[in-house]
Amino acid sequence: RFSGTFVGNAESTSPPPAAPSPPAGAGATLPAVPTIPVVPTIGGVPGAVAESVLNPNEVKPPASGTRKARVLYDYEAADSTELALLADEMITVYSLPGMDPDWLIGERGNQKGKVPVTYLELLS
């Protein structure tokens, strides 16, 4: 059981020792503090990235705004939301609101998926 009074060293009246201050100019040599990137998430779902909501297989192309594109380089799809590409093939592409500007939705026949803009030559 603890009593309601604090028992301490009543004789010590000196302040606690101060932390040593860094030498002048030391701040310039300290490494930069890394920053944590902010990633948009789906409300209420920890760790779920907002872009994962965009499933290219479930979206409809816009009534206007589709373009033809020639594929410049082969591209291997990283996952099922992306479309694998072969150099010199022609595909139809379009963008969706809120989509990363470095990617477009590409269609080839009944296949659909995200494709990187840098692999495409956009035609009229």
N, C-alpha and C. Protein backbone atom coordinates (compact mmCIF):
# COMPACT_ATOMS: atom_id res chain seq x y z
N ARG A 1 0.83 -1.19 0.00
CA ARG A 1 0.00 0.00 0.00
C ARG A 1 0.86 1.24 0.00
N PHE A 2 0.42 2.24 -0.76
CA PHE A 2 1.15 3.51 -0.80
C PHE A 2 0.41 4.52 0.03
N SER A 3 1.17 5.30 0.75
CA SER A 3 0.54 6.37 1.51
C SER A 3 0.37 7.58 0.60
N GLY A 4 -0.39 8.53 1.01
CA GLY A 4 -0.67 9.70 0.19
C GLY A 4 0.44 10.71 0.14
N THR A 5 1.57 10.45 0.80
CA THR A 5 2.65 11.42 0.80
C THR A 5 3.82 10.90 0.00
N PHE A 6 4.58 11.82 -0.55
CA PHE A 6 5.75 11.47 -1.34
C PHE A 6 6.97 11.59 -0.45
N VAL A 7 7.77 10.56 -0.41
CA VAL A 7 8.99 10.59 0.38
C VAL A 7 10.14 10.70 -0.57
N GLY A 8 10.91 11.77 -0.47
CA GLY A 8 12.04 11.96 -1.37
C GLY A 8 13.21 12.55 -0.62
N ASN A 9 14.23 12.90 -1.31
CA ASN A 9 15.41 13.50 -0.72
C ASN A 9 15.17 14.99 -0.59
N ALA A 10 14.83 15.46 0.61
CA ALA A 10 14.51 16.86 0.83
C ALA A 10 15.75 17.72 0.87
N GLU A 11 16.95 17.13 1.05
CA GLU A 11 18.17 17.92 1.16
C GLU A 11 18.66 18.43 -0.18
N SER A 12 18.33 17.74 -1.28
CA SER A 12 18.84 18.12 -2.60
C SER A 12 18.03 19.28 -3.15
N THR A 13 18.66 20.42 -3.32
CA THR A 13 17.99 21.58 -3.90
C THR A 13 18.59 21.95 -5.24
N SER A 14 19.57 21.19 -5.72
CA SER A 14 20.19 21.54 -7.01
C SER A 14 19.30 21.06 -8.15
N PRO A 15 19.29 21.81 -9.26
CA PRO A 15 18.47 21.41 -10.42
C PRO A 15 19.06 20.17 -11.07
N PRO A 16 18.27 19.44 -11.84
CA PRO A 16 18.79 18.26 -12.53
C PRO A 16 19.86 18.67 -13.53
N PRO A 17 20.82 17.79 -13.81
CA PRO A 17 21.88 18.15 -14.75
C PRO A 17 21.30 18.40 -16.14
N ALA A 18 21.81 19.43 -16.81
CA ALA A 18 21.34 19.79 -18.15
C ALA A 18 22.01 18.89 -19.17
N ALA A 19 21.31 18.62 -20.26
CA ALA A 19 21.88 17.82 -21.35
C ALA A 19 22.93 18.66 -22.05
N PRO A 20 24.04 18.07 -22.43
CA PRO A 20 25.07 18.85 -23.12
C PRO A 20 24.55 19.36 -24.46
N SER A 21 24.87 20.61 -24.76
CA SER A 21 24.42 21.17 -26.03
C SER A 21 25.39 20.77 -27.13
N PRO A 22 24.88 20.57 -28.37
CA PRO A 22 25.77 20.17 -29.46
C PRO A 22 26.70 21.32 -29.81
N PRO A 23 27.90 21.02 -30.29
CA PRO A 23 28.83 22.08 -30.67
C PRO A 23 28.26 22.90 -31.83
N ALA A 24 28.71 24.13 -31.93
CA ALA A 24 28.23 25.02 -33.00
C ALA A 24 28.55 24.41 -34.36
N GLY A 25 27.59 24.50 -35.28
CA GLY A 25 27.78 23.97 -36.63
C GLY A 25 27.47 22.49 -36.74
N ALA A 26 27.16 21.82 -35.63
CA ALA A 26 26.90 20.38 -35.68
C ALA A 26 25.61 20.08 -36.43
N GLY A 27 24.68 21.03 -36.44
CA GLY A 27 23.41 20.81 -37.13
C GLY A 27 23.59 20.62 -38.62
N ALA A 28 24.63 21.21 -39.18
CA ALA A 28 24.85 21.10 -40.62
C ALA A 28 25.34 19.71 -41.01
N THR A 29 25.89 18.96 -40.06
CA THR A 29 26.43 17.65 -40.39
C THR A 29 25.45 16.53 -40.08
N LEU A 30 24.33 16.84 -39.43
CA LEU A 30 23.36 15.80 -39.11
C LEU A 30 22.66 15.34 -40.39
N PRO A 31 22.35 14.06 -40.50
CA PRO A 31 21.65 13.58 -41.69
C PRO A 31 20.23 14.12 -41.71
N ALA A 32 19.69 14.26 -42.90
CA ALA A 32 18.32 14.75 -43.05
C ALA A 32 17.35 13.72 -42.48
N VAL A 33 16.29 14.20 -41.88
CA VAL A 33 15.27 13.31 -41.34
C VAL A 33 14.45 12.77 -42.51
N PRO A 34 14.35 11.46 -42.67
CA PRO A 34 13.57 10.93 -43.79
C PRO A 34 12.09 11.23 -43.60
N THR A 35 11.42 11.44 -44.70
CA THR A 35 9.98 11.70 -44.64
C THR A 35 9.24 10.44 -45.07
N ILE A 36 8.05 10.30 -44.57
CA ILE A 36 7.21 9.15 -44.92
C ILE A 36 6.23 9.61 -45.98
N PRO A 37 6.19 8.93 -47.14
CA PRO A 37 5.25 9.34 -48.18
C PRO A 37 3.81 9.11 -47.73
N VAL A 38 2.94 10.00 -48.15
CA VAL A 38 1.53 9.87 -47.83
C VAL A 38 0.85 9.15 -48.98
N VAL A 39 0.19 8.05 -48.67
CA VAL A 39 -0.49 7.26 -49.68
C VAL A 39 -1.98 7.32 -49.38
N PRO A 40 -2.79 7.71 -50.38
CA PRO A 40 -4.23 7.74 -50.11
C PRO A 40 -4.74 6.33 -49.84
N THR A 41 -5.62 6.22 -48.86
CA THR A 41 -6.16 4.91 -48.51
C THR A 41 -7.67 4.93 -48.61
N ILE A 42 -8.24 3.77 -48.61
CA ILE A 42 -9.69 3.62 -48.63
C ILE A 42 -10.16 3.77 -47.20
N GLY A 43 -11.14 4.64 -46.96
CA GLY A 43 -11.61 4.90 -45.61
C GLY A 43 -12.05 3.64 -44.90
N GLY A 44 -11.52 3.42 -43.72
CA GLY A 44 -11.92 2.29 -42.90
C GLY A 44 -11.18 1.00 -43.21
N VAL A 45 -10.34 1.00 -44.22
CA VAL A 45 -9.60 -0.22 -44.57
C VAL A 45 -8.12 0.08 -44.43
N PRO A 46 -7.50 -0.25 -43.28
CA PRO A 46 -6.09 0.06 -43.09
C PRO A 46 -5.22 -0.65 -44.12
N GLY A 47 -4.28 0.07 -44.68
CA GLY A 47 -3.34 -0.52 -45.62
C GLY A 47 -3.86 -0.70 -47.03
N ALA A 48 -5.12 -0.42 -47.28
CA ALA A 48 -5.65 -0.56 -48.64
C ALA A 48 -5.40 0.73 -49.41
N VAL A 49 -4.70 0.65 -50.51
CA VAL A 49 -4.39 1.83 -51.31
C VAL A 49 -5.59 2.17 -52.17
N ALA A 50 -5.89 3.46 -52.29
CA ALA A 50 -7.08 3.90 -53.00
C ALA A 50 -7.09 3.46 -54.46
N GLU A 51 -5.92 3.41 -55.10
CA GLU A 51 -5.89 3.06 -56.51
C GLU A 51 -6.37 1.63 -56.74
N SER A 52 -6.27 0.76 -55.73
CA SER A 52 -6.70 -0.61 -55.90
C SER A 52 -8.20 -0.72 -56.14
N VAL A 53 -8.95 0.35 -55.85
CA VAL A 53 -10.38 0.37 -56.12
C VAL A 53 -10.61 0.34 -57.62
N LEU A 54 -9.69 0.92 -58.37
CA LEU A 54 -9.83 1.03 -59.81
C LEU A 54 -9.46 -0.30 -60.45
N ASN A 55 -10.45 -1.11 -60.76
CA ASN A 55 -10.21 -2.38 -61.44
C ASN A 55 -10.51 -2.16 -62.91
N PRO A 56 -9.49 -2.14 -63.77
CA PRO A 56 -9.69 -1.85 -65.19
C PRO A 56 -10.68 -2.79 -65.87
N ASN A 57 -10.80 -4.01 -65.38
CA ASN A 57 -11.71 -4.95 -66.01
C ASN A 57 -13.17 -4.62 -65.76
N GLU A 58 -13.44 -3.76 -64.77
CA GLU A 58 -14.81 -3.41 -64.43
C GLU A 58 -15.23 -2.03 -64.94
N VAL A 59 -14.32 -1.29 -65.57
CA VAL A 59 -14.66 0.06 -66.02
C VAL A 59 -15.09 0.04 -67.48
N LYS A 60 -15.94 0.98 -67.82
CA LYS A 60 -16.40 1.14 -69.19
C LYS A 60 -15.64 2.30 -69.83
N PRO A 61 -15.29 2.18 -71.12
CA PRO A 61 -14.60 3.30 -71.76
C PRO A 61 -15.54 4.49 -71.87
N PRO A 62 -14.98 5.70 -71.83
CA PRO A 62 -15.82 6.89 -71.97
C PRO A 62 -16.43 6.94 -73.37
N ALA A 63 -17.58 7.62 -73.49
CA ALA A 63 -18.25 7.73 -74.79
C ALA A 63 -17.34 8.40 -75.82
N SER A 64 -16.56 9.37 -75.36
CA SER A 64 -15.57 9.98 -76.24
C SER A 64 -14.28 10.07 -75.44
N GLY A 65 -13.17 10.30 -76.11
CA GLY A 65 -11.91 10.42 -75.41
C GLY A 65 -11.02 9.20 -75.56
N THR A 66 -11.47 8.19 -76.31
CA THR A 66 -10.59 7.07 -76.57
C THR A 66 -9.67 7.43 -77.72
N ARG A 67 -8.45 6.90 -77.66
CA ARG A 67 -7.46 7.16 -78.70
C ARG A 67 -6.79 5.86 -79.07
N LYS A 68 -6.23 5.84 -80.25
CA LYS A 68 -5.39 4.72 -80.67
C LYS A 68 -3.97 5.02 -80.23
N ALA A 69 -3.23 3.98 -79.92
CA ALA A 69 -1.83 4.14 -79.52
C ALA A 69 -1.03 2.98 -80.11
N ARG A 70 0.20 3.30 -80.49
CA ARG A 70 1.13 2.28 -80.95
C ARG A 70 2.08 1.99 -79.80
N VAL A 71 2.28 0.72 -79.51
CA VAL A 71 3.15 0.30 -78.41
C VAL A 71 4.60 0.41 -78.89
N LEU A 72 5.43 1.11 -78.13
CA LEU A 72 6.83 1.33 -78.48
C LEU A 72 7.74 0.20 -78.03
N TYR A 73 7.45 -0.39 -76.86
CA TYR A 73 8.31 -1.42 -76.28
C TYR A 73 7.45 -2.53 -75.70
N ASP A 74 8.02 -3.72 -75.60
CA ASP A 74 7.34 -4.81 -74.91
C ASP A 74 7.18 -4.43 -73.44
N TYR A 75 6.07 -4.81 -72.85
CA TYR A 75 5.82 -4.55 -71.43
C TYR A 75 5.18 -5.77 -70.82
N GLU A 76 5.76 -6.27 -69.73
CA GLU A 76 5.21 -7.41 -69.02
C GLU A 76 4.35 -6.91 -67.87
N ALA A 77 3.11 -7.33 -67.83
CA ALA A 77 2.18 -6.89 -66.78
C ALA A 77 2.68 -7.36 -65.41
N ALA A 78 2.65 -6.45 -64.45
CA ALA A 78 3.10 -6.79 -63.09
C ALA A 78 2.02 -7.53 -62.30
N ASP A 79 0.74 -7.29 -62.63
CA ASP A 79 -0.35 -7.98 -61.95
C ASP A 79 -1.57 -8.02 -62.86
N SER A 80 -2.68 -8.52 -62.35
CA SER A 80 -3.87 -8.72 -63.19
C SER A 80 -4.57 -7.42 -63.57
N THR A 81 -4.19 -6.29 -62.95
CA THR A 81 -4.81 -5.01 -63.33
C THR A 81 -4.11 -4.37 -64.53
N GLU A 82 -2.96 -4.92 -64.93
CA GLU A 82 -2.20 -4.35 -66.04
C GLU A 82 -2.35 -5.20 -67.28
N LEU A 83 -2.09 -4.58 -68.43
CA LEU A 83 -2.17 -5.25 -69.72
C LEU A 83 -0.77 -5.43 -70.27
N ALA A 84 -0.39 -6.66 -70.60
CA ALA A 84 0.91 -6.92 -71.21
C ALA A 84 0.90 -6.37 -72.64
N LEU A 85 2.02 -5.82 -73.07
CA LEU A 85 2.10 -5.18 -74.39
C LEU A 85 3.24 -5.78 -75.21
N LEU A 86 3.04 -5.78 -76.53
CA LEU A 86 4.09 -6.17 -77.46
C LEU A 86 4.40 -4.98 -78.35
N ALA A 87 5.69 -4.75 -78.61
CA ALA A 87 6.10 -3.61 -79.44
C ALA A 87 5.40 -3.66 -80.79
N ASP A 88 5.04 -2.49 -81.29
CA ASP A 88 4.41 -2.26 -82.60
C ASP A 88 2.95 -2.68 -82.70
N GLU A 89 2.33 -3.17 -81.63
CA GLU A 89 0.90 -3.47 -81.72
C GLU A 89 0.10 -2.19 -81.50
N MET A 90 -1.14 -2.18 -81.97
CA MET A 90 -2.03 -1.03 -81.82
C MET A 90 -3.08 -1.38 -80.77
N ILE A 91 -3.30 -0.45 -79.83
CA ILE A 91 -4.32 -0.64 -78.80
C ILE A 91 -5.15 0.63 -78.69
N THR A 92 -6.29 0.53 -78.05
CA THR A 92 -7.13 1.68 -77.74
C THR A 92 -6.86 2.06 -76.29
N VAL A 93 -6.71 3.37 -76.03
CA VAL A 93 -6.41 3.82 -74.67
C VAL A 93 -7.33 4.96 -74.26
N TYR A 94 -7.53 5.10 -72.97
CA TYR A 94 -8.28 6.22 -72.41
C TYR A 94 -7.90 6.36 -70.95
N SER A 95 -8.21 7.52 -70.38
CA SER A 95 -7.93 7.75 -68.96
C SER A 95 -9.24 7.83 -68.21
N LEU A 96 -9.15 7.67 -66.90
CA LEU A 96 -10.31 7.76 -66.03
C LEU A 96 -10.05 8.83 -64.98
N PRO A 97 -11.11 9.49 -64.50
CA PRO A 97 -10.93 10.51 -63.47
C PRO A 97 -10.28 9.91 -62.22
N GLY A 98 -9.30 10.63 -61.67
CA GLY A 98 -8.63 10.19 -60.47
C GLY A 98 -7.52 9.18 -60.70
N MET A 99 -7.27 8.84 -61.94
CA MET A 99 -6.24 7.85 -62.25
C MET A 99 -4.88 8.52 -62.33
N ASP A 100 -3.84 7.79 -61.97
CA ASP A 100 -2.46 8.28 -62.05
C ASP A 100 -2.19 8.73 -63.49
N PRO A 101 -1.69 9.95 -63.71
CA PRO A 101 -1.49 10.45 -65.07
C PRO A 101 -0.38 9.72 -65.84
N ASP A 102 0.42 8.91 -65.17
CA ASP A 102 1.46 8.14 -65.85
C ASP A 102 0.93 6.83 -66.43
N TRP A 103 -0.35 6.56 -66.24
CA TRP A 103 -0.97 5.33 -66.71
C TRP A 103 -2.25 5.63 -67.46
N LEU A 104 -2.61 4.75 -68.40
CA LEU A 104 -3.87 4.82 -69.13
C LEU A 104 -4.50 3.43 -69.06
N ILE A 105 -5.79 3.36 -69.37
CA ILE A 105 -6.43 2.07 -69.54
C ILE A 105 -6.26 1.69 -71.00
N GLY A 106 -5.75 0.51 -71.24
CA GLY A 106 -5.55 0.03 -72.60
C GLY A 106 -6.47 -1.14 -72.89
N GLU A 107 -6.95 -1.21 -74.14
CA GLU A 107 -7.81 -2.31 -74.56
C GLU A 107 -7.26 -2.93 -75.84
N ARG A 108 -7.26 -4.26 -75.85
CA ARG A 108 -6.89 -5.02 -77.04
C ARG A 108 -7.92 -6.14 -77.13
N GLY A 109 -8.83 -6.03 -78.09
CA GLY A 109 -9.91 -7.03 -78.19
C GLY A 109 -10.74 -7.00 -76.92
N ASN A 110 -10.87 -8.15 -76.24
CA ASN A 110 -11.64 -8.17 -74.99
C ASN A 110 -10.73 -8.09 -73.77
N GLN A 111 -9.43 -7.86 -73.97
CA GLN A 111 -8.50 -7.69 -72.85
C GLN A 111 -8.40 -6.21 -72.49
N LYS A 112 -8.30 -5.94 -71.19
CA LYS A 112 -8.27 -4.56 -70.71
C LYS A 112 -7.37 -4.48 -69.50
N GLY A 113 -6.61 -3.38 -69.36
CA GLY A 113 -5.77 -3.20 -68.18
C GLY A 113 -5.00 -1.90 -68.25
N LYS A 114 -4.34 -1.58 -67.14
CA LYS A 114 -3.53 -0.36 -67.07
C LYS A 114 -2.26 -0.56 -67.89
N VAL A 115 -1.85 0.53 -68.58
CA VAL A 115 -0.61 0.50 -69.35
C VAL A 115 0.16 1.79 -69.07
N PRO A 116 1.50 1.71 -69.01
CA PRO A 116 2.29 2.93 -68.77
C PRO A 116 2.34 3.81 -70.01
N VAL A 117 2.10 5.09 -69.83
CA VAL A 117 2.08 6.06 -70.94
C VAL A 117 3.44 6.08 -71.67
N THR A 118 4.52 5.92 -70.94
CA THR A 118 5.85 6.02 -71.54
C THR A 118 6.14 4.91 -72.55
N TYR A 119 5.34 3.86 -72.57
CA TYR A 119 5.52 2.77 -73.52
C TYR A 119 4.68 2.97 -74.78
N LEU A 120 3.99 4.10 -74.89
CA LEU A 120 3.04 4.31 -75.97
C LEU A 120 3.38 5.53 -76.83
N GLU A 121 3.01 5.45 -78.10
CA GLU A 121 2.97 6.61 -78.98
C GLU A 121 1.50 6.87 -79.22
N LEU A 122 0.98 7.95 -78.66
CA LEU A 122 -0.44 8.27 -78.80
C LEU A 122 -0.69 8.81 -80.21
N LEU A 123 -1.69 8.26 -80.87
CA LEU A 123 -2.06 8.69 -82.22
C LEU A 123 -3.34 9.49 -82.14
N SER A 124 -3.80 10.00 -83.28
CA SER A 124 -4.98 10.87 -83.29
C SER A 124 -6.24 10.23 -82.79
